[in-house]
């Protein structure tokens, strides 16, 4: 059977949903695809690279905001989209947190950009985006109302900072 990188990632997401993060292994994935485990190394150097590709695909499938003029509405939708993407798959939050623990730049970039468009200087945009990502990663299991309240509190704080920069 021939297979492409996208098929490997798609099947890995299936295994993640079926068995969870702990059971997702190169050997298990290869067996599901009907290939030897070593064949997967043609697409991925190691399991960490596979997990990164799976996390990226889960995030890619998440909701993206349309063109929004207000920075806070855009950031709100980015945060909700990240949370929804993490919750859509079994252990999705654990996988995304694990992959992006040391480098969350890809998650922060769109939030940082929206904050800068809202008038944040580079430091406030960087720290604000990092704070938002960490908030979402650590509150994915909150009920929807508590998550919305917490996100509103963080966004209100950022809005107050932006207003003080304008003064």
N, C-alpha and C. Protein backbone atom coordinates (compact mmCIF):
# COMPACT_ATOMS: atom_id res chain seq x y z
N UNK A 1 0.84 -1.19 0.00
CA UNK A 1 0.00 0.00 0.00
C UNK A 1 0.88 1.25 0.00
N UNK A 2 0.65 2.15 -0.94
CA UNK A 2 1.36 3.43 -0.93
C UNK A 2 0.67 4.36 0.05
N UNK A 3 1.41 5.26 0.62
CA UNK A 3 0.81 6.19 1.57
C UNK A 3 1.58 7.50 1.51
N UNK A 4 0.88 8.54 1.86
CA UNK A 4 1.46 9.87 1.87
C UNK A 4 1.50 10.39 3.30
N UNK A 5 2.30 11.40 3.52
CA UNK A 5 2.43 12.02 4.84
C UNK A 5 1.06 12.39 5.40
N UNK A 6 0.21 12.98 4.56
CA UNK A 6 -1.12 13.40 5.02
C UNK A 6 -1.95 12.20 5.49
N UNK A 7 -1.80 11.04 4.83
CA UNK A 7 -2.52 9.84 5.25
C UNK A 7 -2.01 9.33 6.59
N UNK A 8 -0.71 9.45 6.80
CA UNK A 8 -0.13 9.03 8.08
C UNK A 8 -0.67 9.92 9.19
N UNK A 9 -0.68 11.21 8.97
CA UNK A 9 -1.19 12.15 9.98
C UNK A 9 -2.67 11.89 10.24
N UNK A 10 -3.43 11.69 9.18
CA UNK A 10 -4.87 11.42 9.32
C UNK A 10 -5.11 10.16 10.16
N UNK A 11 -4.35 9.10 9.87
CA UNK A 11 -4.52 7.86 10.64
C UNK A 11 -4.05 8.05 12.07
N UNK A 12 -3.00 8.84 12.28
CA UNK A 12 -2.53 9.12 13.64
C UNK A 12 -3.61 9.83 14.44
N UNK A 13 -4.33 10.74 13.82
CA UNK A 13 -5.44 11.41 14.50
C UNK A 13 -6.52 10.39 14.86
N UNK A 14 -6.77 9.46 13.95
CA UNK A 14 -7.73 8.39 14.24
C UNK A 14 -7.31 7.54 15.43
N UNK A 15 -6.04 7.17 15.47
CA UNK A 15 -5.52 6.38 16.60
C UNK A 15 -5.60 7.20 17.88
N UNK A 16 -5.28 8.47 17.81
CA UNK A 16 -5.39 9.35 18.98
C UNK A 16 -6.81 9.33 19.51
N UNK A 17 -7.78 9.50 18.62
CA UNK A 17 -9.19 9.52 19.04
C UNK A 17 -9.64 8.17 19.60
N UNK A 18 -9.13 7.09 19.02
CA UNK A 18 -9.54 5.74 19.44
C UNK A 18 -8.90 5.31 20.75
N UNK A 19 -7.61 5.61 20.93
CA UNK A 19 -6.88 5.01 22.04
C UNK A 19 -6.23 6.01 22.99
N UNK A 20 -6.10 7.26 22.59
CA UNK A 20 -5.46 8.26 23.44
C UNK A 20 -3.99 8.44 23.12
N UNK A 21 -3.42 9.48 23.70
CA UNK A 21 -2.05 9.87 23.42
C UNK A 21 -1.04 8.81 23.85
N UNK A 22 -1.24 8.21 25.00
CA UNK A 22 -0.27 7.23 25.50
C UNK A 22 -0.14 6.02 24.59
N UNK A 23 -1.23 5.64 23.91
CA UNK A 23 -1.19 4.45 23.05
C UNK A 23 -0.78 4.77 21.61
N UNK A 24 -0.61 6.04 21.29
CA UNK A 24 -0.21 6.41 19.93
C UNK A 24 1.30 6.20 19.80
N UNK A 25 1.67 5.16 19.06
CA UNK A 25 3.09 4.85 18.86
C UNK A 25 3.35 4.65 17.37
N UNK A 26 4.59 4.74 16.99
CA UNK A 26 4.97 4.52 15.60
C UNK A 26 4.60 3.08 15.19
N UNK A 27 4.83 2.15 16.07
CA UNK A 27 4.53 0.74 15.78
C UNK A 27 3.03 0.54 15.58
N UNK A 28 2.23 1.09 16.46
CA UNK A 28 0.77 0.96 16.36
C UNK A 28 0.27 1.62 15.08
N UNK A 29 0.77 2.78 14.79
CA UNK A 29 0.36 3.51 13.60
C UNK A 29 0.75 2.75 12.34
N UNK A 30 1.96 2.23 12.30
CA UNK A 30 2.42 1.46 11.14
C UNK A 30 1.53 0.24 10.92
N UNK A 31 1.19 -0.46 12.00
CA UNK A 31 0.32 -1.63 11.88
C UNK A 31 -1.04 -1.24 11.31
N UNK A 32 -1.59 -0.12 11.75
CA UNK A 32 -2.87 0.35 11.23
C UNK A 32 -2.79 0.69 9.75
N UNK A 33 -1.64 1.18 9.32
CA UNK A 33 -1.44 1.54 7.92
C UNK A 33 -1.01 0.35 7.06
N UNK A 34 -0.67 -0.77 7.72
CA UNK A 34 -0.24 -1.95 6.98
C UNK A 34 1.17 -1.87 6.45
N UNK A 35 2.03 -1.16 7.18
CA UNK A 35 3.44 -1.02 6.77
C UNK A 35 4.33 -1.37 7.97
N UNK A 36 5.61 -1.51 7.71
CA UNK A 36 6.58 -1.70 8.78
C UNK A 36 6.79 -0.36 9.49
N UNK A 37 7.09 -0.41 10.78
CA UNK A 37 7.29 0.82 11.54
C UNK A 37 8.39 1.69 10.94
N UNK A 38 9.43 1.06 10.42
CA UNK A 38 10.53 1.81 9.83
C UNK A 38 10.11 2.65 8.63
N UNK A 39 9.03 2.24 7.95
CA UNK A 39 8.57 2.99 6.79
C UNK A 39 8.07 4.39 7.16
N UNK A 40 7.61 4.56 8.38
CA UNK A 40 7.11 5.86 8.82
C UNK A 40 8.24 6.89 8.94
N UNK A 41 9.44 6.40 9.14
CA UNK A 41 10.57 7.31 9.29
C UNK A 41 10.93 7.99 7.97
N UNK A 42 10.31 7.55 6.89
CA UNK A 42 10.46 8.25 5.61
C UNK A 42 9.79 9.62 5.69
N UNK A 43 8.73 9.71 6.49
CA UNK A 43 7.97 10.95 6.64
C UNK A 43 8.31 11.72 7.91
N UNK A 44 8.70 11.01 8.96
CA UNK A 44 8.94 11.65 10.26
C UNK A 44 10.23 11.10 10.87
N UNK A 45 11.08 11.99 11.34
CA UNK A 45 12.36 11.58 11.92
C UNK A 45 12.18 10.77 13.19
N UNK A 46 11.12 11.08 13.94
CA UNK A 46 10.88 10.41 15.22
C UNK A 46 9.44 10.65 15.64
N UNK A 47 9.08 10.08 16.79
CA UNK A 47 7.71 10.21 17.27
C UNK A 47 7.38 11.67 17.58
N UNK A 48 8.34 12.42 18.09
CA UNK A 48 8.10 13.83 18.39
C UNK A 48 7.71 14.60 17.12
N UNK A 49 8.35 14.29 16.01
CA UNK A 49 8.02 14.95 14.74
C UNK A 49 6.61 14.56 14.29
N UNK A 50 6.26 13.30 14.48
CA UNK A 50 4.90 12.86 14.15
C UNK A 50 3.88 13.59 15.01
N UNK A 51 4.14 13.65 16.32
CA UNK A 51 3.20 14.33 17.23
C UNK A 51 3.06 15.81 16.87
N UNK A 52 4.16 16.44 16.48
CA UNK A 52 4.10 17.84 16.08
C UNK A 52 3.21 18.00 14.84
N UNK A 53 3.34 17.08 13.89
CA UNK A 53 2.52 17.15 12.68
C UNK A 53 1.05 16.93 13.00
N UNK A 54 0.76 16.02 13.92
CA UNK A 54 -0.62 15.76 14.33
C UNK A 54 -1.18 17.00 15.04
N UNK A 55 -0.42 17.57 15.94
CA UNK A 55 -0.88 18.78 16.65
C UNK A 55 -1.13 19.92 15.66
N UNK A 56 -0.23 20.09 14.71
CA UNK A 56 -0.39 21.15 13.71
C UNK A 56 -1.66 20.93 12.88
N UNK A 57 -1.93 19.68 12.52
CA UNK A 57 -3.13 19.40 11.73
C UNK A 57 -4.40 19.65 12.55
N UNK A 58 -4.38 19.26 13.80
CA UNK A 58 -5.53 19.53 14.67
C UNK A 58 -5.78 21.03 14.76
N UNK A 59 -4.72 21.79 14.93
CA UNK A 59 -4.86 23.24 15.00
C UNK A 59 -5.29 23.83 13.66
N UNK A 60 -4.77 23.30 12.57
CA UNK A 60 -5.14 23.80 11.24
C UNK A 60 -6.63 23.64 10.99
N UNK A 61 -7.19 22.57 11.51
CA UNK A 61 -8.61 22.30 11.32
C UNK A 61 -9.50 23.17 12.21
N UNK A 62 -8.89 23.82 13.19
CA UNK A 62 -9.66 24.66 14.10
C UNK A 62 -10.28 25.85 13.40
N UNK A 63 -11.21 26.46 14.10
CA UNK A 63 -11.91 27.62 13.56
C UNK A 63 -10.96 28.79 13.42
N UNK A 64 -11.06 29.51 12.32
CA UNK A 64 -10.26 30.70 12.08
C UNK A 64 -11.19 31.89 11.97
N UNK A 65 -10.82 32.99 12.56
CA UNK A 65 -11.69 34.16 12.45
C UNK A 65 -11.67 34.73 11.04
N UNK A 66 -12.82 35.21 10.62
CA UNK A 66 -12.89 35.94 9.36
C UNK A 66 -12.27 37.31 9.59
N UNK A 67 -12.28 38.14 8.59
CA UNK A 67 -11.73 39.48 8.79
C UNK A 67 -12.55 40.20 9.85
N UNK A 68 -11.89 40.60 10.88
CA UNK A 68 -12.55 41.28 11.99
C UNK A 68 -11.77 42.56 12.24
N UNK A 69 -12.48 43.63 12.38
CA UNK A 69 -11.81 44.91 12.59
C UNK A 69 -11.31 45.02 14.02
N UNK A 70 -12.11 44.64 14.99
CA UNK A 70 -11.74 44.81 16.39
C UNK A 70 -10.75 43.73 16.83
N UNK A 71 -9.62 44.16 17.39
CA UNK A 71 -8.58 43.23 17.82
C UNK A 71 -9.10 42.25 18.86
N UNK A 72 -9.94 42.75 19.80
CA UNK A 72 -10.40 41.90 20.90
C UNK A 72 -11.34 40.79 20.41
N UNK A 73 -12.17 41.09 19.42
CA UNK A 73 -13.04 40.06 18.85
C UNK A 73 -12.21 39.01 18.13
N UNK A 74 -11.18 39.45 17.43
CA UNK A 74 -10.31 38.51 16.74
C UNK A 74 -9.57 37.61 17.73
N UNK A 75 -9.01 38.21 18.77
CA UNK A 75 -8.29 37.42 19.77
C UNK A 75 -9.24 36.46 20.47
N UNK A 76 -10.43 36.92 20.78
CA UNK A 76 -11.43 36.05 21.41
C UNK A 76 -11.70 34.82 20.53
N UNK A 77 -11.93 35.05 19.24
CA UNK A 77 -12.19 33.92 18.34
C UNK A 77 -10.97 33.01 18.19
N UNK A 78 -9.78 33.57 18.19
CA UNK A 78 -8.58 32.75 18.13
C UNK A 78 -8.47 31.84 19.35
N UNK A 79 -8.76 32.38 20.52
CA UNK A 79 -8.69 31.59 21.76
C UNK A 79 -9.76 30.50 21.78
N UNK A 80 -10.97 30.85 21.40
CA UNK A 80 -12.06 29.87 21.36
C UNK A 80 -11.75 28.80 20.31
N UNK A 81 -11.20 29.22 19.17
CA UNK A 81 -10.83 28.25 18.13
C UNK A 81 -9.75 27.29 18.58
N UNK A 82 -8.75 27.81 19.30
CA UNK A 82 -7.70 26.96 19.85
C UNK A 82 -8.28 25.95 20.83
N UNK A 83 -9.14 26.43 21.71
CA UNK A 83 -9.76 25.55 22.70
C UNK A 83 -10.62 24.49 22.02
N UNK A 84 -11.41 24.91 21.04
CA UNK A 84 -12.25 23.95 20.32
C UNK A 84 -11.41 22.90 19.61
N UNK A 85 -10.31 23.32 18.99
CA UNK A 85 -9.44 22.37 18.29
C UNK A 85 -8.86 21.36 19.27
N UNK A 86 -8.46 21.82 20.44
CA UNK A 86 -7.87 20.92 21.44
C UNK A 86 -8.91 19.93 21.96
N UNK A 87 -10.14 20.37 22.07
CA UNK A 87 -11.19 19.53 22.64
C UNK A 87 -11.84 18.60 21.63
N UNK A 88 -11.60 18.83 20.35
CA UNK A 88 -12.24 18.05 19.30
C UNK A 88 -11.71 16.61 19.26
N UNK A 89 -10.51 16.38 19.77
CA UNK A 89 -9.90 15.05 19.70
C UNK A 89 -9.49 14.58 21.08
N UNK A 90 -9.61 13.29 21.29
CA UNK A 90 -9.20 12.70 22.56
C UNK A 90 -7.75 13.05 22.82
N UNK A 91 -7.46 13.57 24.00
CA UNK A 91 -6.13 13.97 24.43
C UNK A 91 -5.53 15.08 23.54
N UNK A 92 -6.38 15.77 22.80
CA UNK A 92 -5.91 16.84 21.93
C UNK A 92 -5.21 17.95 22.70
N UNK A 93 -5.77 18.31 23.84
CA UNK A 93 -5.15 19.36 24.66
C UNK A 93 -3.80 18.92 25.19
N UNK A 94 -3.71 17.69 25.65
CA UNK A 94 -2.44 17.18 26.16
C UNK A 94 -1.39 17.14 25.05
N UNK A 95 -1.81 16.72 23.86
CA UNK A 95 -0.88 16.66 22.74
C UNK A 95 -0.38 18.05 22.36
N UNK A 96 -1.30 18.99 22.21
CA UNK A 96 -0.91 20.34 21.81
C UNK A 96 -0.05 21.00 22.88
N UNK A 97 -0.40 20.81 24.14
CA UNK A 97 0.41 21.37 25.22
C UNK A 97 1.80 20.75 25.23
N UNK A 98 1.88 19.44 25.01
CA UNK A 98 3.18 18.75 24.99
C UNK A 98 4.05 19.24 23.84
N UNK A 99 3.47 19.36 22.67
CA UNK A 99 4.22 19.76 21.48
C UNK A 99 4.66 21.22 21.58
N UNK A 100 3.80 22.08 22.13
CA UNK A 100 4.08 23.51 22.16
C UNK A 100 4.55 24.02 23.52
N UNK A 101 4.90 23.12 24.43
CA UNK A 101 5.33 23.51 25.77
C UNK A 101 6.54 24.43 25.73
N UNK A 102 7.55 24.06 24.96
CA UNK A 102 8.77 24.85 24.95
C UNK A 102 8.77 25.93 23.87
N UNK A 103 7.92 25.78 22.87
CA UNK A 103 7.89 26.78 21.80
C UNK A 103 6.45 26.97 21.35
N UNK A 104 5.81 27.98 21.89
CA UNK A 104 4.41 28.24 21.55
C UNK A 104 4.28 29.38 20.55
N UNK A 105 5.38 29.72 19.86
CA UNK A 105 5.38 30.85 18.93
C UNK A 105 4.30 30.71 17.86
N UNK A 106 4.11 29.51 17.33
CA UNK A 106 3.11 29.33 16.27
C UNK A 106 1.70 29.60 16.79
N UNK A 107 1.43 29.25 18.03
CA UNK A 107 0.12 29.52 18.62
C UNK A 107 -0.03 31.00 18.95
N UNK A 108 1.06 31.62 19.35
CA UNK A 108 1.01 33.02 19.77
C UNK A 108 0.97 34.00 18.59
N UNK A 109 1.54 33.63 17.47
CA UNK A 109 1.73 34.56 16.35
C UNK A 109 0.46 35.29 15.92
N UNK A 110 -0.66 34.59 15.67
CA UNK A 110 -1.85 35.34 15.24
C UNK A 110 -2.42 36.24 16.33
N UNK A 111 -2.29 35.84 17.59
CA UNK A 111 -2.77 36.68 18.69
C UNK A 111 -1.89 37.92 18.83
N UNK A 112 -0.62 37.69 18.70
CA UNK A 112 0.34 38.80 18.79
C UNK A 112 0.06 39.83 17.69
N UNK A 113 -0.19 39.34 16.50
CA UNK A 113 -0.48 40.22 15.38
C UNK A 113 -1.75 41.03 15.63
N UNK A 114 -2.78 40.39 16.15
CA UNK A 114 -4.03 41.11 16.44
C UNK A 114 -3.81 42.15 17.53
N UNK A 115 -3.03 41.82 18.54
CA UNK A 115 -2.73 42.78 19.60
C UNK A 115 -1.96 43.98 19.06
N UNK A 116 -1.02 43.73 18.19
CA UNK A 116 -0.26 44.84 17.59
C UNK A 116 -1.17 45.73 16.75
N UNK A 117 -2.10 45.11 16.00
CA UNK A 117 -3.06 45.91 15.24
C UNK A 117 -3.95 46.74 16.17
N UNK A 118 -4.15 46.25 17.38
CA UNK A 118 -4.94 46.97 18.37
C UNK A 118 -4.18 48.08 19.07
N UNK A 119 -2.88 48.21 18.78
CA UNK A 119 -2.09 49.29 19.35
C UNK A 119 -1.05 48.86 20.38
N UNK A 120 -0.91 47.56 20.61
CA UNK A 120 0.07 47.08 21.59
C UNK A 120 1.48 47.26 21.05
N UNK A 121 2.39 47.64 21.94
CA UNK A 121 3.79 47.65 21.54
C UNK A 121 4.28 46.20 21.49
N UNK A 122 5.50 45.99 21.04
CA UNK A 122 6.00 44.63 20.86
C UNK A 122 6.00 43.82 22.15
N UNK A 123 6.39 44.45 23.24
CA UNK A 123 6.45 43.72 24.51
C UNK A 123 5.06 43.31 24.99
N UNK A 124 4.10 44.25 24.97
CA UNK A 124 2.75 43.91 25.41
C UNK A 124 2.14 42.85 24.49
N UNK A 125 2.37 42.96 23.19
CA UNK A 125 1.83 41.97 22.25
C UNK A 125 2.43 40.59 22.53
N UNK A 126 3.74 40.53 22.77
CA UNK A 126 4.41 39.25 23.04
C UNK A 126 3.92 38.62 24.33
N UNK A 127 3.94 39.41 25.40
CA UNK A 127 3.53 38.87 26.71
C UNK A 127 2.02 38.59 26.72
N UNK A 128 1.24 39.45 26.11
CA UNK A 128 -0.20 39.24 26.05
C UNK A 128 -0.55 37.97 25.30
N UNK A 129 0.06 37.77 24.15
CA UNK A 129 -0.20 36.57 23.35
C UNK A 129 0.22 35.31 24.12
N UNK A 130 1.39 35.36 24.75
CA UNK A 130 1.85 34.21 25.53
C UNK A 130 0.89 33.92 26.68
N UNK A 131 0.42 34.96 27.35
CA UNK A 131 -0.53 34.79 28.46
C UNK A 131 -1.84 34.17 27.97
N UNK A 132 -2.33 34.63 26.84
CA UNK A 132 -3.56 34.08 26.28
C UNK A 132 -3.42 32.60 25.93
N UNK A 133 -2.32 32.25 25.28
CA UNK A 133 -2.10 30.84 24.91
C UNK A 133 -2.02 29.99 26.17
N UNK A 134 -1.27 30.45 27.15
CA UNK A 134 -1.15 29.67 28.40
C UNK A 134 -2.50 29.56 29.10
N UNK A 135 -3.29 30.61 29.06
CA UNK A 135 -4.62 30.56 29.65
C UNK A 135 -5.45 29.47 28.97
N UNK A 136 -5.48 29.49 27.65
CA UNK A 136 -6.29 28.51 26.92
C UNK A 136 -5.79 27.09 27.18
N UNK A 137 -4.47 26.89 27.12
CA UNK A 137 -3.92 25.55 27.33
C UNK A 137 -4.23 25.01 28.73
N UNK A 138 -4.28 25.90 29.70
CA UNK A 138 -4.48 25.42 31.07
C UNK A 138 -5.95 25.44 31.51
N UNK A 139 -6.85 25.94 30.66
CA UNK A 139 -8.26 26.01 31.04
C UNK A 139 -9.17 25.30 30.03
N UNK A 140 -8.61 24.38 29.25
CA UNK A 140 -9.43 23.73 28.23
C UNK A 140 -10.53 22.87 28.84
N UNK A 141 -10.36 22.41 30.07
CA UNK A 141 -11.38 21.54 30.66
C UNK A 141 -12.42 22.30 31.48
N UNK A 142 -12.27 23.61 31.63
CA UNK A 142 -13.27 24.40 32.33
C UNK A 142 -14.60 24.32 31.58
N UNK A 143 -15.71 24.50 32.32
CA UNK A 143 -16.97 24.56 31.58
C UNK A 143 -16.98 25.84 30.76
N UNK A 144 -17.85 25.88 29.78
CA UNK A 144 -17.85 26.99 28.81
C UNK A 144 -18.03 28.35 29.47
N UNK A 145 -18.92 28.43 30.45
CA UNK A 145 -19.17 29.72 31.10
C UNK A 145 -17.95 30.20 31.87
N UNK A 146 -17.29 29.30 32.60
CA UNK A 146 -16.09 29.69 33.34
C UNK A 146 -14.96 30.08 32.39
N UNK A 147 -14.81 29.35 31.30
CA UNK A 147 -13.79 29.70 30.32
C UNK A 147 -14.07 31.08 29.74
N UNK A 148 -15.30 31.33 29.36
CA UNK A 148 -15.66 32.63 28.78
C UNK A 148 -15.41 33.76 29.77
N UNK A 149 -15.75 33.54 31.03
CA UNK A 149 -15.53 34.57 32.05
C UNK A 149 -14.03 34.83 32.22
N UNK A 150 -13.24 33.79 32.34
CA UNK A 150 -11.80 33.95 32.49
C UNK A 150 -11.16 34.63 31.30
N UNK A 151 -11.57 34.23 30.10
CA UNK A 151 -11.03 34.86 28.89
C UNK A 151 -11.42 36.33 28.85
N UNK A 152 -12.65 36.64 29.24
CA UNK A 152 -13.09 38.03 29.29
C UNK A 152 -12.25 38.86 30.25
N UNK A 153 -11.91 38.28 31.39
CA UNK A 153 -11.08 38.99 32.37
C UNK A 153 -9.70 39.30 31.77
N UNK A 154 -9.10 38.32 31.11
CA UNK A 154 -7.78 38.53 30.50
C UNK A 154 -7.87 39.59 29.40
N UNK A 155 -8.89 39.49 28.56
CA UNK A 155 -9.04 40.47 27.48
C UNK A 155 -9.33 41.87 28.01
N UNK A 156 -10.11 41.96 29.09
CA UNK A 156 -10.36 43.27 29.71
C UNK A 156 -9.06 43.88 30.22
N UNK A 157 -8.20 43.06 30.79
CA UNK A 157 -6.91 43.55 31.27
C UNK A 157 -6.04 44.04 30.12
N UNK A 158 -6.04 43.32 29.02
CA UNK A 158 -5.28 43.76 27.86
C UNK A 158 -5.86 45.06 27.28
N UNK A 159 -7.18 45.15 27.25
CA UNK A 159 -7.81 46.37 26.74
C UNK A 159 -7.45 47.57 27.62
N UNK A 160 -7.42 47.35 28.93
CA UNK A 160 -7.04 48.45 29.84
C UNK A 160 -5.60 48.87 29.59
N UNK A 161 -4.73 47.92 29.37
CA UNK A 161 -3.32 48.25 29.07
C UNK A 161 -3.22 49.04 27.77
N UNK A 162 -3.96 48.62 26.76
CA UNK A 162 -3.94 49.33 25.49
C UNK A 162 -4.46 50.76 25.64
N UNK A 163 -5.51 50.92 26.44
CA UNK A 163 -6.04 52.27 26.68
C UNK A 163 -5.02 53.14 27.39
N UNK A 164 -4.27 52.57 28.32
CA UNK A 164 -3.27 53.35 29.03
C UNK A 164 -2.11 53.74 28.11
N UNK A 165 -1.83 52.94 27.08
CA UNK A 165 -0.79 53.30 26.11
C UNK A 165 -1.22 54.50 25.26
N UNK A 166 -2.52 54.59 25.01
CA UNK A 166 -3.05 55.68 24.21
C UNK A 166 -3.08 56.99 24.96
N UNK A 167 -3.16 56.92 26.28
CA UNK A 167 -3.27 58.14 27.10
C UNK A 167 -1.97 58.88 27.21
